[in-house]
Amino acid sequence: MPIIKIPTVFNIDLEFEAADLGRRGVAYLVDLLIRGAYLLLMSLFLKNTGLGGYFADVFLLVLPVSFYYLISELIMKGQSLGKRVMDIKVVSLMGNVPSLSQILLRWIFRMVESPLVTLALITSMLEEDSPLAALLFLAIGILPLVVVLRSPYNQRLGDLAAGTILVRTKERHTIQDTIFREIHQPDYIPQFSQILRLSDKDLSKIKTVLDSVARTGDTSMAERISLRIREVLHIETDMEAVHFLETLLNDYNYLVTRK
């Protein structure tokens, strides 16, 4: 399988095995079967209980099936049930779990790219004796496949728009191998902008030291590096060494990802 290398600003290329079309196709069929089974069982339930009707059909049939990918990829962090079965997942171009906005954008484009929607439109045009319109919709339906085959990372339109890719779940390097950290606080204020003066090698060393502290509990190396960084960057602070180094990495991630 081709290997996707994603360059990052964190001193390492993330390597993923591309999700081939076969796996993607089977994952789609699994998800299709799951949605079909749900529709069948829920339809029988509504019919047998006499609870059917416009609102019941909308809220118990149409909406769950329509929002299937959106909800599953949010809950399962980039996977649907079909993707999990086939060991593939959606990740951002940073290599981390896709954000809400990325998953939402993929879902919106999916409504346009869906083979079922294309098939329904073609069938409708043929029934209305409009072969030219049917050919037009067929061409539009083939476009997403062409995009997948021609895009750099085998991305569909939704992936290109959202900045995501579909990969095997067993990546060679994870985002945890880098100094990447997600800053969740919307009002986060960096304290040490001087961190941008350090090299990638220096930053990787800080992470290595922090990982060592987490494993062993020995803070002696962290204290020495903390003192050296304060001298080089002319930083005056009373922060404890480990907290200081953690803050430096957080500040770096915030400043770099918002450039």
Protein backbone atom coordinates (compact mmCIF):
# COMPACT_ATOMS: atom_id res chain seq x y z
CA MET A 1 0.00 0.00 0.00
CA PRO A 2 1.25 3.56 -0.70
CA ILE A 3 2.55 5.47 2.31
CA ILE A 4 1.28 8.98 2.95
CA LYS A 5 3.85 11.27 4.54
CA ILE A 6 2.48 14.39 6.16
CA PRO A 7 5.14 17.02 6.92
CA THR A 8 4.53 18.88 10.17
CA VAL A 9 6.16 21.79 11.94
CA PHE A 10 6.91 19.42 14.82
CA ASN A 11 10.19 17.87 13.62
CA ILE A 12 8.78 14.61 12.22
CA ASP A 13 6.90 13.43 9.15
CA LEU A 14 3.75 11.55 10.04
CA GLU A 15 3.50 8.33 8.04
CA PHE A 16 0.17 6.66 7.31
CA GLU A 17 -0.77 3.77 5.09
CA ALA A 18 -3.30 5.03 2.57
CA ALA A 19 -6.81 3.58 2.73
CA ASP A 20 -7.17 1.82 -0.63
CA LEU A 21 -10.36 1.96 -2.67
CA GLY A 22 -11.19 -1.66 -1.83
CA ARG A 23 -11.28 -1.02 1.91
CA ARG A 24 -13.17 2.22 1.41
CA GLY A 25 -15.71 0.47 -0.80
CA VAL A 26 -16.31 -2.36 1.67
CA ALA A 27 -16.59 0.14 4.53
CA TYR A 28 -19.22 2.03 2.54
CA LEU A 29 -21.16 -1.19 1.89
CA VAL A 30 -21.05 -2.11 5.60
CA ASP A 31 -22.39 1.32 6.52
CA LEU A 32 -25.02 1.00 3.80
CA LEU A 33 -26.15 -2.37 5.17
CA ILE A 34 -26.32 -0.96 8.70
CA ARG A 35 -28.47 1.96 7.58
CA GLY A 36 -30.62 -0.34 5.45
CA ALA A 37 -31.15 -2.75 8.34
CA TYR A 38 -32.08 0.13 10.62
CA LEU A 39 -34.61 1.44 8.10
CA LEU A 40 -36.15 -2.00 7.66
CA LEU A 41 -36.42 -2.77 11.37
CA MET A 42 -37.67 0.68 12.32
CA SER A 43 -40.23 0.65 9.48
CA LEU A 44 -41.55 -2.71 10.69
CA PHE A 45 -41.68 -1.40 14.26
CA LEU A 46 -43.63 1.71 13.26
CA LYS A 47 -46.00 -0.34 11.13
CA ASN A 48 -46.66 -2.98 13.79
CA THR A 49 -47.15 -0.45 16.58
CA GLY A 50 -49.25 1.94 14.53
CA LEU A 51 -46.90 4.80 15.36
CA GLY A 52 -46.18 5.66 11.74
CA GLY A 53 -46.89 9.06 10.30
CA TYR A 54 -45.12 12.05 8.82
CA PHE A 55 -43.31 13.19 11.96
CA ALA A 56 -42.42 9.67 13.04
CA ASP A 57 -41.02 8.92 9.59
CA VAL A 58 -38.94 12.10 9.62
CA PHE A 59 -37.54 11.79 13.14
CA LEU A 60 -37.16 8.02 13.34
CA LEU A 61 -36.30 7.13 9.74
CA VAL A 62 -35.01 10.03 7.66
CA LEU A 63 -32.97 11.96 10.23
CA PRO A 64 -31.07 9.01 11.81
CA VAL A 65 -30.02 7.71 8.39
CA SER A 66 -29.15 11.19 7.09
CA PHE A 67 -27.04 12.05 10.14
CA TYR A 68 -25.44 8.60 10.43
CA TYR A 69 -21.97 9.60 9.21
CA LEU A 70 -21.95 12.93 11.04
CA ILE A 71 -22.87 11.41 14.40
CA SER A 72 -20.74 8.27 14.10
CA GLU A 73 -17.60 10.15 13.02
CA LEU A 74 -18.05 12.60 15.90
CA ILE A 75 -18.58 9.87 18.50
CA MET A 76 -15.99 7.46 17.09
CA LYS A 77 -13.39 10.16 16.36
CA GLY A 78 -13.19 9.91 12.59
CA GLN A 79 -14.72 6.48 12.10
CA SER A 80 -18.07 4.98 11.20
CA LEU A 81 -18.95 1.37 11.98
CA GLY A 82 -17.92 0.38 8.46
CA LYS A 83 -14.61 2.21 8.75
CA ARG A 84 -13.90 0.54 12.09
CA VAL A 85 -14.58 -2.90 10.61
CA MET A 86 -12.13 -2.17 7.79
CA ASP A 87 -9.51 -0.54 10.05
CA ILE A 88 -9.61 2.87 8.39
CA LYS A 89 -10.27 6.32 9.78
CA VAL A 90 -10.45 10.00 8.93
CA VAL A 91 -7.64 12.22 10.22
CA SER A 92 -6.81 15.87 9.69
CA LEU A 93 -3.78 16.89 7.65
CA MET A 94 -2.03 17.46 10.99
CA GLY A 95 -2.53 13.76 11.71
CA ASN A 96 -4.88 14.28 14.64
CA VAL A 97 -8.59 13.61 15.17
CA PRO A 98 -10.71 15.76 12.81
CA SER A 99 -12.47 18.72 14.38
CA LEU A 100 -16.22 19.27 14.49
CA SER A 101 -16.04 21.72 11.58
CA GLN A 102 -14.02 19.25 9.47
CA ILE A 103 -16.44 16.38 10.10
CA LEU A 104 -19.40 18.68 9.41
CA LEU A 105 -17.89 19.85 6.11
CA ARG A 106 -17.21 16.26 5.01
CA TRP A 107 -20.80 15.35 5.84
CA ILE A 108 -22.21 18.28 3.84
CA PHE A 109 -20.17 17.29 0.78
CA ARG A 110 -21.18 13.65 1.24
CA MET A 111 -24.77 14.60 0.44
CA VAL A 112 -23.55 15.78 -2.97
CA GLU A 113 -21.08 12.95 -3.58
CA SER A 114 -23.31 10.07 -2.48
CA PRO A 115 -23.62 7.32 -5.14
CA LEU A 116 -27.19 6.72 -3.95
CA VAL A 117 -28.16 10.33 -4.64
CA THR A 118 -26.60 10.12 -8.10
CA LEU A 119 -28.38 6.83 -8.82
CA ALA A 120 -31.72 8.27 -7.68
CA LEU A 121 -31.30 11.32 -9.93
CA ILE A 122 -30.33 9.19 -12.95
CA THR A 123 -33.30 6.86 -12.40
CA SER A 124 -35.63 9.83 -12.08
CA MET A 125 -34.37 11.37 -15.31
CA LEU A 126 -34.72 8.08 -17.20
CA GLU A 127 -38.28 7.68 -15.94
CA GLU A 128 -39.03 11.17 -17.24
CA ASP A 129 -37.47 10.21 -20.58
CA SER A 130 -34.58 12.66 -20.20
CA PRO A 131 -31.50 10.65 -21.24
CA LEU A 132 -29.29 13.73 -21.64
CA ALA A 133 -30.01 14.83 -18.09
CA ALA A 134 -29.33 11.27 -16.92
CA LEU A 135 -25.95 11.33 -18.68
CA LEU A 136 -25.19 14.67 -17.05
CA PHE A 137 -25.90 13.29 -13.58
CA LEU A 138 -23.82 10.20 -14.42
CA ALA A 139 -20.88 12.44 -15.31
CA ILE A 140 -21.37 14.37 -12.07
CA GLY A 141 -21.51 11.07 -10.18
CA ILE A 142 -18.22 9.90 -11.68
CA LEU A 143 -16.47 13.15 -10.75
CA PRO A 144 -15.93 12.25 -7.05
CA LEU A 145 -14.23 8.98 -8.07
CA VAL A 146 -11.95 10.88 -10.47
CA VAL A 147 -11.08 13.33 -7.68
CA VAL A 148 -10.18 10.46 -5.33
CA LEU A 149 -7.91 8.88 -7.94
CA ARG A 150 -6.22 12.15 -8.90
CA SER A 151 -5.87 13.94 -5.54
CA PRO A 152 -2.51 13.82 -3.70
CA TYR A 153 -3.72 11.68 -0.80
CA ASN A 154 -6.68 9.94 -2.51
CA GLN A 155 -9.05 12.51 -1.02
CA ARG A 156 -12.63 13.00 -2.08
CA LEU A 157 -14.12 16.48 -2.52
CA GLY A 158 -15.24 16.62 1.10
CA ASP A 159 -11.73 15.74 2.28
CA LEU A 160 -10.15 18.41 0.11
CA ALA A 161 -12.58 21.00 1.45
CA ALA A 162 -12.17 19.92 5.07
CA GLY A 163 -8.43 19.28 5.05
CA THR A 164 -8.73 15.59 5.95
CA ILE A 165 -7.52 12.24 4.62
CA LEU A 166 -8.64 8.62 4.95
CA VAL A 167 -5.92 6.27 6.23
CA ARG A 168 -5.35 2.85 7.80
CA THR A 169 -5.66 2.92 11.58
CA LYS A 170 -2.16 1.51 12.12
CA GLU A 171 -0.10 4.60 11.40
CA ARG A 172 3.70 4.36 11.53
CA HIS A 173 4.10 7.59 13.45
CA THR A 174 1.37 9.22 15.46
CA ILE A 175 0.87 12.85 16.35
CA GLN A 176 1.95 11.85 19.87
CA ASP A 177 5.45 11.26 18.45
CA THR A 178 5.68 14.98 17.77
CA ILE A 179 5.49 17.98 20.08
CA PHE A 180 1.94 18.66 18.94
CA ARG A 181 -0.55 19.51 21.66
CA GLU A 182 -4.16 20.51 21.22
CA ILE A 183 -4.96 23.77 22.99
CA HIS A 184 -8.63 23.50 23.93
CA GLN A 185 -9.01 26.80 25.79
CA PRO A 186 -10.44 29.39 23.35
CA ASP A 187 -9.09 32.20 25.56
CA TYR A 188 -5.60 30.72 25.95
CA ILE A 189 -2.92 33.39 26.36
CA PRO A 190 0.71 32.37 25.67
CA GLN A 191 3.16 33.48 28.34
CA PHE A 192 6.52 32.98 26.64
CA SER A 193 6.59 34.06 22.99
CA GLN A 194 10.38 33.68 23.15
CA ILE A 195 9.82 29.95 22.61
CA LEU A 196 9.70 30.61 18.85
CA ARG A 197 13.43 31.29 18.98
CA LEU A 198 14.19 27.66 19.80
CA SER A 199 14.89 25.11 17.08
CA ASP A 200 12.84 22.00 16.35
CA LYS A 201 15.65 19.96 17.87
CA ASP A 202 15.45 21.95 21.10
CA LEU A 203 11.68 21.54 21.26
CA SER A 204 11.92 17.80 20.65
CA LYS A 205 14.43 17.59 23.49
CA ILE A 206 11.95 19.31 25.81
CA LYS A 207 9.29 16.76 24.90
CA THR A 208 11.72 13.88 25.42
CA VAL A 209 12.54 15.18 28.88
CA LEU A 210 8.87 15.58 29.78
CA ASP A 211 8.15 12.04 28.56
CA SER A 212 11.00 10.81 30.75
CA VAL A 213 9.59 12.64 33.77
CA ALA A 214 6.19 11.04 33.15
CA ARG A 215 7.78 7.58 33.03
CA THR A 216 10.28 7.82 35.87
CA GLY A 217 9.23 10.74 38.05
CA ASP A 218 12.83 12.04 37.99
CA THR A 219 12.78 15.82 37.45
CA SER A 220 16.53 16.48 37.67
CA MET A 221 17.01 16.70 33.90
CA ALA A 222 13.91 18.90 33.57
CA GLU A 223 15.33 21.27 36.17
CA ARG A 224 18.67 21.56 34.36
CA ILE A 225 17.06 22.15 30.95
CA SER A 226 14.58 24.59 32.45
CA LEU A 227 17.41 26.64 33.94
CA ARG A 228 19.33 26.63 30.65
CA ILE A 229 16.29 27.75 28.62
CA ARG A 230 15.58 30.60 31.03
CA GLU A 231 19.15 31.79 30.60
CA VAL A 232 19.16 31.54 26.80
CA LEU A 233 15.74 33.14 26.31
CA HIS A 234 16.16 35.64 29.17
CA ILE A 235 12.99 34.47 30.89
CA GLU A 236 12.32 35.31 34.50
CA THR A 237 9.69 33.13 36.16
CA ASP A 238 9.13 31.28 39.41
CA MET A 239 7.39 28.35 37.69
CA GLU A 240 8.37 24.86 38.75
CA ALA A 241 10.60 23.25 36.09
CA VAL A 242 8.16 20.68 34.68
CA HIS A 243 5.29 23.18 34.64
CA PHE A 244 7.56 25.68 32.88
CA LEU A 245 8.51 23.19 30.15
CA GLU A 246 4.87 22.13 29.70
CA THR A 247 3.89 25.78 29.33
CA LEU A 248 6.62 26.35 26.74
CA LEU A 249 5.29 23.53 24.54
CA ASN A 250 1.72 24.74 24.94
CA ASP A 251 2.76 28.28 24.01
CA TYR A 252 4.68 27.03 20.98
CA ASN A 253 1.71 25.01 19.71
CA TYR A 254 -0.65 27.93 20.19
CA LEU A 255 1.64 30.41 18.44
CA VAL A 256 2.57 28.12 15.53
CA THR A 257 -0.92 26.80 14.75
CA ARG A 258 -2.40 30.30 14.71
CA LYS A 259 0.13 31.91 12.39
